[in-house]
Each structure stands twice: as structure tokens, then as C-alpha cells.
PDB file of N, CA and C in Angstrom:
ATOM      1  N   UNK A   1      -0.967  21.827   5.293  1.00  0.00           N
ATOM      2  CA  UNK A   1      -1.201  20.597   4.557  1.00  0.00           C
ATOM      3  C   UNK A   1      -0.051  20.349   3.667  1.00  0.00           C
ATOM      4  N   UNK A   2       0.402  19.088   3.608  1.00  0.00           N
ATOM      5  CA  UNK A   2       1.512  18.725   2.786  1.00  0.00           C
ATOM      6  C   UNK A   2       1.109  18.669   1.315  1.00  0.00           C
ATOM      7  N   UNK A   3       2.094  18.860   0.459  1.00  0.00           N
ATOM      8  CA  UNK A   3       1.816  18.750  -0.973  1.00  0.00           C
ATOM      9  C   UNK A   3       1.478  17.335  -1.299  1.00  0.00           C
ATOM     10  N   UNK A   4       0.588  17.169  -2.320  1.00  0.00           N
ATOM     11  CA  UNK A   4       0.218  15.775  -2.709  1.00  0.00           C
ATOM     12  C   UNK A   4       1.409  15.122  -3.381  1.00  0.00           C
ATOM     13  N   UNK A   5       1.493  13.803  -3.379  1.00  0.00           N
ATOM     14  CA  UNK A   5       2.603  13.101  -4.036  1.00  0.00           C
ATOM     15  C   UNK A   5       2.512  13.261  -5.540  1.00  0.00           C
ATOM     16  N   UNK A   6       3.622  13.063  -6.225  1.00  0.00           N
ATOM     17  CA  UNK A   6       3.675  13.064  -7.699  1.00  0.00           C
ATOM     18  C   UNK A   6       2.905  11.903  -8.254  1.00  0.00           C
ATOM     19  N   UNK A   7       2.932  10.776  -7.538  1.00  0.00           N
ATOM     20  CA  UNK A   7       2.315   9.553  -8.066  1.00  0.00           C
ATOM     21  C   UNK A   7       1.610   8.793  -6.942  1.00  0.00           C
ATOM     22  N   UNK A   8       0.405   8.393  -7.173  1.00  0.00           N
ATOM     23  CA  UNK A   8      -0.343   7.551  -6.282  1.00  0.00           C
ATOM     24  C   UNK A   8      -0.637   6.203  -6.994  1.00  0.00           C
ATOM     25  N   UNK A   9      -0.215   5.137  -6.385  1.00  0.00           N
ATOM     26  CA  UNK A   9      -0.485   3.787  -6.919  1.00  0.00           C
ATOM     27  C   UNK A   9      -1.605   3.259  -6.093  1.00  0.00           C
ATOM     28  N   UNK A  10      -2.779   2.944  -6.713  1.00  0.00           N
ATOM     29  CA  UNK A  10      -3.956   2.439  -6.025  1.00  0.00           C
ATOM     30  C   UNK A  10      -4.054   0.957  -6.382  1.00  0.00           C
ATOM     31  N   UNK A  11      -4.159   0.139  -5.327  1.00  0.00           N
ATOM     32  CA  UNK A  11      -4.174  -1.318  -5.482  1.00  0.00           C
ATOM     33  C   UNK A  11      -5.380  -1.907  -4.805  1.00  0.00           C
ATOM     34  N   UNK A  12      -6.282  -2.549  -5.566  1.00  0.00           N
ATOM     35  CA  UNK A  12      -7.393  -3.222  -4.921  1.00  0.00           C
ATOM     36  C   UNK A  12      -6.919  -4.505  -4.218  1.00  0.00           C
ATOM     37  N   UNK A  13      -7.507  -4.812  -3.080  1.00  0.00           N
ATOM     38  CA  UNK A  13      -7.121  -5.982  -2.333  1.00  0.00           C
ATOM     39  C   UNK A  13      -8.342  -6.744  -1.911  1.00  0.00           C
ATOM     40  N   UNK A  14      -8.320  -8.076  -2.105  1.00  0.00           N
ATOM     41  CA  UNK A  14      -9.296  -8.954  -1.565  1.00  0.00           C
ATOM     42  C   UNK A  14      -8.608 -10.278  -1.301  1.00  0.00           C
ATOM     43  N   UNK A  15      -8.398 -10.604  -0.010  1.00  0.00           N
ATOM     44  CA  UNK A  15      -7.757 -11.850   0.397  1.00  0.00           C
ATOM     45  C   UNK A  15      -6.362 -11.990  -0.294  1.00  0.00           C
ATOM     46  N   UNK A  16      -5.524 -11.059  -0.118  1.00  0.00           N
ATOM     47  CA  UNK A  16      -4.194 -11.081  -0.730  1.00  0.00           C
ATOM     48  C   UNK A  16      -3.090 -11.060   0.302  1.00  0.00           C
ATOM     49  N   UNK A  17      -3.314 -11.576   1.474  1.00  0.00           N
ATOM     50  CA  UNK A  17      -2.375 -11.502   2.551  1.00  0.00           C
ATOM     51  C   UNK A  17      -0.933 -11.900   2.107  1.00  0.00           C
ATOM     52  N   UNK A  18      -0.792 -12.988   1.416  1.00  0.00           N
ATOM     53  CA  UNK A  18       0.527 -13.512   1.075  1.00  0.00           C
ATOM     54  C   UNK A  18       1.207 -12.637   0.026  1.00  0.00           C
ATOM     55  N   UNK A  19       0.478 -11.822  -0.699  1.00  0.00           N
ATOM     56  CA  UNK A  19       1.067 -11.086  -1.811  1.00  0.00           C
ATOM     57  C   UNK A  19       1.384  -9.617  -1.446  1.00  0.00           C
ATOM     58  N   UNK A  20       0.905  -9.149  -0.326  1.00  0.00           N
ATOM     59  CA  UNK A  20       1.067  -7.736  -0.020  1.00  0.00           C
ATOM     60  C   UNK A  20       2.513  -7.279   0.264  1.00  0.00           C
ATOM     61  N   UNK A  21       3.263  -8.095   1.015  1.00  0.00           N
ATOM     62  CA  UNK A  21       4.630  -7.714   1.291  1.00  0.00           C
ATOM     63  C   UNK A  21       5.478  -7.772   0.000  1.00  0.00           C
ATOM     64  N   UNK A  22       5.417  -8.856  -0.769  1.00  0.00           N
ATOM     65  CA  UNK A  22       6.229  -8.880  -2.049  1.00  0.00           C
ATOM     66  C   UNK A  22       5.804  -7.762  -3.018  1.00  0.00           C
ATOM     67  N   UNK A  23       4.520  -7.432  -3.094  1.00  0.00           N
ATOM     68  CA  UNK A  23       4.086  -6.359  -3.986  1.00  0.00           C
ATOM     69  C   UNK A  23       4.590  -5.017  -3.490  1.00  0.00           C
ATOM     70  N   UNK A  24       4.531  -4.814  -2.185  1.00  0.00           N
ATOM     71  CA  UNK A  24       5.046  -3.517  -1.658  1.00  0.00           C
ATOM     72  C   UNK A  24       6.540  -3.422  -1.906  1.00  0.00           C
ATOM     73  N   UNK A  25       7.291  -4.470  -1.702  1.00  0.00           N
ATOM     74  CA  UNK A  25       8.731  -4.434  -2.015  1.00  0.00           C
ATOM     75  C   UNK A  25       9.003  -4.167  -3.480  1.00  0.00           C
ATOM     76  N   UNK A  26       8.171  -4.765  -4.357  1.00  0.00           N
ATOM     77  CA  UNK A  26       8.321  -4.521  -5.834  1.00  0.00           C
ATOM     78  C   UNK A  26       8.014  -3.065  -6.161  1.00  0.00           C
ATOM     79  N   UNK A  27       7.019  -2.466  -5.530  1.00  0.00           N
ATOM     80  CA  UNK A  27       6.709  -1.030  -5.772  1.00  0.00           C
ATOM     81  C   UNK A  27       7.892  -0.182  -5.271  1.00  0.00           C
ATOM     82  N   UNK A  28       8.430  -0.511  -4.133  1.00  0.00           N
ATOM     83  CA  UNK A  28       9.606   0.247  -3.626  1.00  0.00           C
ATOM     84  C   UNK A  28      10.769   0.100  -4.596  1.00  0.00           C
ATOM     85  N   UNK A  29      11.027  -1.102  -5.082  1.00  0.00           N
ATOM     86  CA  UNK A  29      12.138  -1.344  -5.978  1.00  0.00           C
ATOM     87  C   UNK A  29      11.978  -0.534  -7.259  1.00  0.00           C
ATOM     88  N   UNK A  30      10.733  -0.427  -7.684  1.00  0.00           N
ATOM     89  CA  UNK A  30      10.504   0.342  -8.978  1.00  0.00           C
ATOM     90  C   UNK A  30      10.525   1.804  -8.790  1.00  0.00           C
ATOM     91  N   UNK A  31      10.048   2.318  -7.646  1.00  0.00           N
ATOM     92  CA  UNK A  31       9.854   3.753  -7.542  1.00  0.00           C
ATOM     93  C   UNK A  31      10.917   4.488  -6.692  1.00  0.00           C
ATOM     94  N   UNK A  32      11.593   3.787  -5.766  1.00  0.00           N
ATOM     95  CA  UNK A  32      12.596   4.407  -4.960  1.00  0.00           C
ATOM     96  C   UNK A  32      13.721   5.065  -5.800  1.00  0.00           C
ATOM     97  N   UNK A  33      14.173   4.396  -6.885  1.00  0.00           N
ATOM     98  CA  UNK A  33      15.253   4.998  -7.686  1.00  0.00           C
ATOM     99  C   UNK A  33      14.839   6.264  -8.441  1.00  0.00           C
ATOM    100  N   UNK A  34      13.527   6.518  -8.526  1.00  0.00           N
ATOM    101  CA  UNK A  34      13.076   7.725  -9.269  1.00  0.00           C
ATOM    102  C   UNK A  34      13.133   8.920  -8.317  1.00  0.00           C
ATOM    103  N   UNK A  35      12.945  10.058  -8.865  1.00  0.00           N
ATOM    104  CA  UNK A  35      12.874  11.290  -8.073  1.00  0.00           C
ATOM    105  C   UNK A  35      11.448  11.630  -7.711  1.00  0.00           C
ATOM    106  N   UNK A  36      10.523  10.718  -7.960  1.00  0.00           N
ATOM    107  CA  UNK A  36       9.105  11.023  -7.665  1.00  0.00           C
ATOM    108  C   UNK A  36       8.803  10.880  -6.170  1.00  0.00           C
ATOM    109  N   UNK A  37       7.912  11.716  -5.721  1.00  0.00           N
ATOM    110  CA  UNK A  37       7.324  11.599  -4.437  1.00  0.00           C
ATOM    111  C   UNK A  37       6.098  10.755  -4.616  1.00  0.00           C
ATOM    112  N   UNK A  38       6.051   9.579  -4.060  1.00  0.00           N
ATOM    113  CA  UNK A  38       4.952   8.638  -4.353  1.00  0.00           C
ATOM    114  C   UNK A  38       4.363   8.055  -3.076  1.00  0.00           C
ATOM    115  N   UNK A  39       3.168   7.498  -3.281  1.00  0.00           N
ATOM    116  CA  UNK A  39       2.460   6.758  -2.266  1.00  0.00           C
ATOM    117  C   UNK A  39       1.770   5.547  -2.883  1.00  0.00           C
ATOM    118  N   UNK A  40       1.473   4.564  -2.056  1.00  0.00           N
ATOM    119  CA  UNK A  40       0.684   3.446  -2.501  1.00  0.00           C
ATOM    120  C   UNK A  40      -0.531   3.353  -1.559  1.00  0.00           C
ATOM    121  N   UNK A  41      -1.712   3.265  -2.172  1.00  0.00           N
ATOM    122  CA  UNK A  41      -2.952   3.223  -1.445  1.00  0.00           C
ATOM    123  C   UNK A  41      -3.579   1.901  -1.743  1.00  0.00           C
ATOM    124  N   UNK A  42      -3.671   1.054  -0.711  1.00  0.00           N
ATOM    125  CA  UNK A  42      -4.336  -0.258  -0.830  1.00  0.00           C
ATOM    126  C   UNK A  42      -5.805  -0.087  -0.432  1.00  0.00           C
ATOM    127  N   UNK A  43      -6.682  -0.627  -1.233  1.00  0.00           N
ATOM    128  CA  UNK A  43      -8.121  -0.587  -0.964  1.00  0.00           C
ATOM    129  C   UNK A  43      -8.598  -2.025  -0.705  1.00  0.00           C
ATOM    130  N   UNK A  44      -8.815  -2.301   0.573  1.00  0.00           N
ATOM    131  CA  UNK A  44      -9.173  -3.645   1.014  1.00  0.00           C
ATOM    132  C   UNK A  44     -10.728  -3.722   0.967  1.00  0.00           C
ATOM    133  N   UNK A  45     -11.190  -4.608   0.108  1.00  0.00           N
ATOM    134  CA  UNK A  45     -12.604  -4.737  -0.133  1.00  0.00           C
ATOM    135  C   UNK A  45     -13.241  -5.891   0.677  1.00  0.00           C
ATOM    136  N   UNK A  46     -12.980  -5.893   1.993  1.00  0.00           N
ATOM    137  CA  UNK A  46     -13.582  -6.859   2.898  1.00  0.00           C
ATOM    138  C   UNK A  46     -12.836  -8.170   3.010  1.00  0.00           C
ATOM    139  N   UNK A  47     -11.524  -8.131   2.923  1.00  0.00           N
ATOM    140  CA  UNK A  47     -10.718  -9.362   3.055  1.00  0.00           C
ATOM    141  C   UNK A  47     -11.002 -10.064   4.389  1.00  0.00           C
ATOM    142  N   UNK A  48     -10.954 -11.399   4.370  1.00  0.00           N
ATOM    143  CA  UNK A  48     -11.126 -12.167   5.594  1.00  0.00           C
ATOM    144  C   UNK A  48      -9.915 -13.035   5.908  1.00  0.00           C
ATOM    145  N   UNK A  49      -8.835 -12.882   5.203  1.00  0.00           N
ATOM    146  CA  UNK A  49      -7.646 -13.698   5.384  1.00  0.00           C
ATOM    147  C   UNK A  49      -6.561 -13.058   6.218  1.00  0.00           C
ATOM    148  N   UNK A  50      -6.805 -11.958   6.837  1.00  0.00           N
ATOM    149  CA  UNK A  50      -5.736 -11.294   7.576  1.00  0.00           C
ATOM    150  C   UNK A  50      -5.019 -10.183   6.786  1.00  0.00           C
ATOM    151  N   UNK A  51      -5.485  -9.910   5.612  1.00  0.00           N
ATOM    152  CA  UNK A  51      -4.856  -8.864   4.790  1.00  0.00           C
ATOM    153  C   UNK A  51      -4.850  -7.479   5.525  1.00  0.00           C
ATOM    154  N   UNK A  52      -5.904  -7.189   6.277  1.00  0.00           N
ATOM    155  CA  UNK A  52      -5.961  -5.926   6.970  1.00  0.00           C
ATOM    156  C   UNK A  52      -4.858  -5.785   7.974  1.00  0.00           C
ATOM    157  N   UNK A  53      -4.532  -6.844   8.683  1.00  0.00           N
ATOM    158  CA  UNK A  53      -3.446  -6.779   9.671  1.00  0.00           C
ATOM    159  C   UNK A  53      -2.116  -6.486   8.983  1.00  0.00           C
ATOM    160  N   UNK A  54      -1.857  -7.137   7.839  1.00  0.00           N
ATOM    161  CA  UNK A  54      -0.648  -6.893   7.095  1.00  0.00           C
ATOM    162  C   UNK A  54      -0.596  -5.433   6.632  1.00  0.00           C
ATOM    163  N   UNK A  55      -1.742  -4.932   6.107  1.00  0.00           N
ATOM    164  CA  UNK A  55      -1.805  -3.584   5.651  1.00  0.00           C
ATOM    165  C   UNK A  55      -1.521  -2.550   6.774  1.00  0.00           C
ATOM    166  N   UNK A  56      -2.066  -2.888   7.966  1.00  0.00           N
ATOM    167  CA  UNK A  56      -1.783  -2.050   9.151  1.00  0.00           C
ATOM    168  C   UNK A  56      -0.295  -1.966   9.423  1.00  0.00           C
ATOM    169  N   UNK A  57       0.338  -3.126   9.404  1.00  0.00           N
ATOM    170  CA  UNK A  57       1.788  -3.146   9.666  1.00  0.00           C
ATOM    171  C   UNK A  57       2.571  -2.408   8.585  1.00  0.00           C
ATOM    172  N   UNK A  58       2.221  -2.593   7.368  1.00  0.00           N
ATOM    173  CA  UNK A  58       2.926  -1.915   6.261  1.00  0.00           C
ATOM    174  C   UNK A  58       2.770  -0.402   6.422  1.00  0.00           C
ATOM    175  N   UNK A  59       1.574   0.035   6.685  1.00  0.00           N
ATOM    176  CA  UNK A  59       1.309   1.495   6.828  1.00  0.00           C
ATOM    177  C   UNK A  59       2.005   2.083   8.068  1.00  0.00           C
ATOM    178  N   UNK A  60       2.059   1.308   9.164  1.00  0.00           N
ATOM    179  CA  UNK A  60       2.751   1.763  10.342  1.00  0.00           C
ATOM    180  C   UNK A  60       4.269   1.927  10.131  1.00  0.00           C
ATOM    181  N   UNK A  61       4.812   1.097   9.245  1.00  0.00           N
ATOM    182  CA  UNK A  61       6.247   1.118   8.986  1.00  0.00           C
ATOM    183  C   UNK A  61       6.690   2.041   7.900  1.00  0.00           C
ATOM    184  N   UNK A  62       5.758   2.603   7.141  1.00  0.00           N
ATOM    185  CA  UNK A  62       6.150   3.407   6.004  1.00  0.00           C
ATOM    186  C   UNK A  62       5.016   4.456   5.706  1.00  0.00           C
ATOM    187  N   UNK A  63       5.356   5.706   5.859  1.00  0.00           N
ATOM    188  CA  UNK A  63       4.409   6.789   5.660  1.00  0.00           C
ATOM    189  C   UNK A  63       3.862   6.885   4.214  1.00  0.00           C
ATOM    190  N   UNK A  64       4.534   6.199   3.306  1.00  0.00           N
ATOM    191  CA  UNK A  64       4.064   6.260   1.883  1.00  0.00           C
ATOM    192  C   UNK A  64       3.012   5.200   1.607  1.00  0.00           C
ATOM    193  N   UNK A  65       2.779   4.289   2.570  1.00  0.00           N
ATOM    194  CA  UNK A  65       1.776   3.238   2.431  1.00  0.00           C
ATOM    195  C   UNK A  65       0.544   3.616   3.218  1.00  0.00           C
ATOM    196  N   UNK A  66      -0.598   3.580   2.519  1.00  0.00           N
ATOM    197  CA  UNK A  66      -1.911   3.889   3.142  1.00  0.00           C
ATOM    198  C   UNK A  66      -2.866   2.788   2.784  1.00  0.00           C
ATOM    199  N   UNK A  67      -3.931   2.704   3.543  1.00  0.00           N
ATOM    200  CA  UNK A  67      -4.955   1.743   3.145  1.00  0.00           C
ATOM    201  C   UNK A  67      -6.344   2.180   3.576  1.00  0.00           C
ATOM    202  N   UNK A  68      -7.309   1.752   2.854  1.00  0.00           N
ATOM    203  CA  UNK A  68      -8.729   1.919   3.183  1.00  0.00           C
ATOM    204  C   UNK A  68      -9.303   0.544   3.290  1.00  0.00           C
ATOM    205  N   UNK A  69     -10.289   0.394   4.212  1.00  0.00           N
ATOM    206  CA  UNK A  69     -10.918  -0.922   4.371  1.00  0.00           C
ATOM    207  C   UNK A  69     -12.416  -0.785   4.247  1.00  0.00           C
ATOM    208  N   UNK A  70     -12.997  -1.513   3.352  1.00  0.00           N
ATOM    209  CA  UNK A  70     -14.432  -1.584   3.185  1.00  0.00           C
ATOM    210  C   UNK A  70     -14.935  -2.894   3.780  1.00  0.00           C
ATOM    211  N   UNK A  71     -16.059  -2.866   4.425  1.00  0.00           N
ATOM    212  CA  UNK A  71     -16.665  -4.103   4.999  1.00  0.00           C
ATOM    213  C   UNK A  71     -17.394  -4.783   3.930  1.00  0.00           C
TER     214      UNK A  71
END
């Protein structure tokens, strides 16, 4: 089992499709220059606007991005 990250950023999501990519970029911009091992965990609370699809794409493209989806 891998060591846990130094920092976990947990973000609640509800119909935030348009904001997910800019937010993820901002998190990268803030944390990439640090020496921290980090992750971002999005918690989708039943979005109906396509947020889940965006989260799937973000997670597929970056191992530090994870998401949970609640119905």
C-alpha cells in the first residue's frame, strides 16, 4: 500500500461542471511548486449537470485527482 499524501484537499461538488477544470488548474498552480505529496478528492453530491463526466476525465488524466459520487 502506498503512503498517504501529505495533503488531501476535499471539495464538495453539486452542479459545478463549468468550475471543475479551472479549480483543478488553480489547485495544481498552488500545490505543484511545493514539495508536498498531495491529492484532491471531489465529492459529487448528486450533480445533474454533467459534473460527474468532467470528474471522470480529470481523475483519468491525473492520479492525484479522485472523486466520490453520491446519488
